[in-house]
C-alpha atoms as a PDB file:
ATOM      1  CA  UNK A   1     105.446  95.023  85.130  1.00  0.00           C
ATOM      2  CA  UNK A   2     106.241  91.333  85.095  1.00  0.00           C
ATOM      3  CA  UNK A   3     105.075  89.357  82.071  1.00  0.00           C
ATOM      4  CA  UNK A   4     103.697  86.782  84.531  1.00  0.00           C
ATOM      5  CA  UNK A   5     101.542  89.178  86.550  1.00  0.00           C
ATOM      6  CA  UNK A   6      98.124  89.799  85.039  1.00  0.00           C
ATOM      7  CA  UNK A   7      96.470  92.604  86.974  1.00  0.00           C
ATOM      8  CA  UNK A   8      92.974  92.161  85.533  1.00  0.00           C
ATOM      9  CA  UNK A   9      92.165  88.433  85.458  1.00  0.00           C
ATOM     10  CA  UNK A  10      90.368  87.536  82.240  1.00  0.00           C
ATOM     11  CA  UNK A  11      91.152  91.071  80.969  1.00  0.00           C
ATOM     12  CA  UNK A  12      87.648  92.210  81.937  1.00  0.00           C
ATOM     13  CA  UNK A  13      85.953  93.950  84.824  1.00  0.00           C
ATOM     14  CA  UNK A  14      82.569  92.548  83.822  1.00  0.00           C
ATOM     15  CA  UNK A  15      81.083  90.082  86.314  1.00  0.00           C
ATOM     16  CA  UNK A  16      77.691  88.405  86.575  1.00  0.00           C
ATOM     17  CA  UNK A  17      76.994  89.435  90.168  1.00  0.00           C
ATOM     18  CA  UNK A  18      78.144  91.919  92.793  1.00  0.00           C
ATOM     19  CA  UNK A  19      79.581  88.969  94.771  1.00  0.00           C
ATOM     20  CA  UNK A  20      81.772  88.041  91.808  1.00  0.00           C
ATOM     21  CA  UNK A  21      82.717  91.706  91.485  1.00  0.00           C
ATOM     22  CA  UNK A  22      83.777  91.847  95.112  1.00  0.00           C
ATOM     23  CA  UNK A  23      85.889  88.701  94.704  1.00  0.00           C
ATOM     24  CA  UNK A  24      87.519  90.250  91.632  1.00  0.00           C
ATOM     25  CA  UNK A  25      88.250  93.425  93.619  1.00  0.00           C
ATOM     26  CA  UNK A  26      89.999  91.409  96.341  1.00  0.00           C
ATOM     27  CA  UNK A  27      92.010  89.493  93.734  1.00  0.00           C
ATOM     28  CA  UNK A  28      93.035  92.695  91.966  1.00  0.00           C
ATOM     29  CA  UNK A  29      94.139  94.283  95.244  1.00  0.00           C
ATOM     30  CA  UNK A  30      96.194  91.184  96.059  1.00  0.00           C
ATOM     31  CA  UNK A  31      97.789  91.241  92.608  1.00  0.00           C
ATOM     32  CA  UNK A  32      98.708  94.897  93.073  1.00  0.00           C
ATOM     33  CA  UNK A  33     100.444  94.056  96.346  1.00  0.00           C
ATOM     34  CA  UNK A  34     102.242  91.155  94.648  1.00  0.00           C
ATOM     35  CA  UNK A  35     103.421  93.461  91.860  1.00  0.00           C
ATOM     36  CA  UNK A  36     104.545  96.098  94.351  1.00  0.00           C
ATOM     37  CA  UNK A  37     106.457  93.539  96.451  1.00  0.00           C
ATOM     38  CA  UNK A  38     107.338  90.630  94.127  1.00  0.00           C
ATOM     39  CA  UNK A  39     109.444  88.839  96.774  1.00  0.00           C
ATOM     40  CA  UNK A  40     107.127  86.230  98.347  1.00  0.00           C
ATOM     41  CA  UNK A  41     109.424  85.808 101.355  1.00  0.00           C
ATOM     42  CA  UNK A  42     109.329  89.547 102.042  1.00  0.00           C
ATOM     43  CA  UNK A  43     105.507  89.537 101.822  1.00  0.00           C
ATOM     44  CA  UNK A  44     105.394  86.600 104.237  1.00  0.00           C
ATOM     45  CA  UNK A  45     107.674  88.453 106.687  1.00  0.00           C
ATOM     46  CA  UNK A  46     105.500  91.578 106.496  1.00  0.00           C
ATOM     47  CA  UNK A  47     102.157  89.779 106.910  1.00  0.00           C
ATOM     48  CA  UNK A  48     102.288  89.590 110.756  1.00  0.00           C
ATOM     49  CA  UNK A  49     103.033  93.329 110.875  1.00  0.00           C
ATOM     50  CA  UNK A  50     100.019  94.435 108.879  1.00  0.00           C
ATOM     51  CA  UNK A  51      97.795  91.680 110.273  1.00  0.00           C
ATOM     52  CA  UNK A  52      98.139  93.299 113.700  1.00  0.00           C
ATOM     53  CA  UNK A  53      97.973  96.956 112.674  1.00  0.00           C
ATOM     54  CA  UNK A  54      94.471  98.413 112.476  1.00  0.00           C
ATOM     55  CA  UNK A  55      95.559 101.307 110.237  1.00  0.00           C
ATOM     56  CA  UNK A  56      97.156  98.951 107.729  1.00  0.00           C
ATOM     57  CA  UNK A  57      94.093  96.694 107.703  1.00  0.00           C
ATOM     58  CA  UNK A  58      91.883  99.721 107.074  1.00  0.00           C
ATOM     59  CA  UNK A  59      94.174 100.759 104.203  1.00  0.00           C
ATOM     60  CA  UNK A  60      93.835  97.297 102.673  1.00  0.00           C
ATOM     61  CA  UNK A  61      90.052  97.552 102.991  1.00  0.00           C
ATOM     62  CA  UNK A  62      90.124 100.941 101.275  1.00  0.00           C
ATOM     63  CA  UNK A  63      92.154  99.507  98.407  1.00  0.00           C
ATOM     64  CA  UNK A  64      89.598  96.737  97.882  1.00  0.00           C
ATOM     65  CA  UNK A  65      86.757  99.256  98.121  1.00  0.00           C
ATOM     66  CA  UNK A  66      88.312 101.407  95.387  1.00  0.00           C
ATOM     67  CA  UNK A  67      88.765  98.381  93.140  1.00  0.00           C
ATOM     68  CA  UNK A  68      85.159  97.330  93.822  1.00  0.00           C
ATOM     69  CA  UNK A  69      83.828 100.809  93.010  1.00  0.00           C
ATOM     70  CA  UNK A  70      85.576 100.661  89.637  1.00  0.00           C
ATOM     71  CA  UNK A  71      84.207  97.177  88.925  1.00  0.00           C
ATOM     72  CA  UNK A  72      80.684  98.167  89.996  1.00  0.00           C
ATOM     73  CA  UNK A  73      80.724 101.152  87.660  1.00  0.00           C
ATOM     74  CA  UNK A  74      82.008  98.980  84.784  1.00  0.00           C
ATOM     75  CA  UNK A  75      79.050  96.667  85.421  1.00  0.00           C
ATOM     76  CA  UNK A  76      76.525  99.533  85.488  1.00  0.00           C
ATOM     77  CA  UNK A  77      76.030  98.639  89.144  1.00  0.00           C
ATOM     78  CA  UNK A  78      74.503  95.299  88.000  1.00  0.00           C
ATOM     79  CA  UNK A  79      71.313  96.962  86.735  1.00  0.00           C
END
């Protein structure tokens, strides 16, 4: 892992609200993609491919949903 890539911003999954948790989930998913493909030019070239592929968009949504489920559990589902 790159020393510059921090996969859990702020080193905590704790958020004040579900909305903040969802935003953290999106950020974590994006950071995972960045770590997996560190070449920004390659990511830019691939973006039109996955932006027009329903299966790839669903996979991205599933990744965010998994991250969000983990964050929600860490926050005791904001109870």
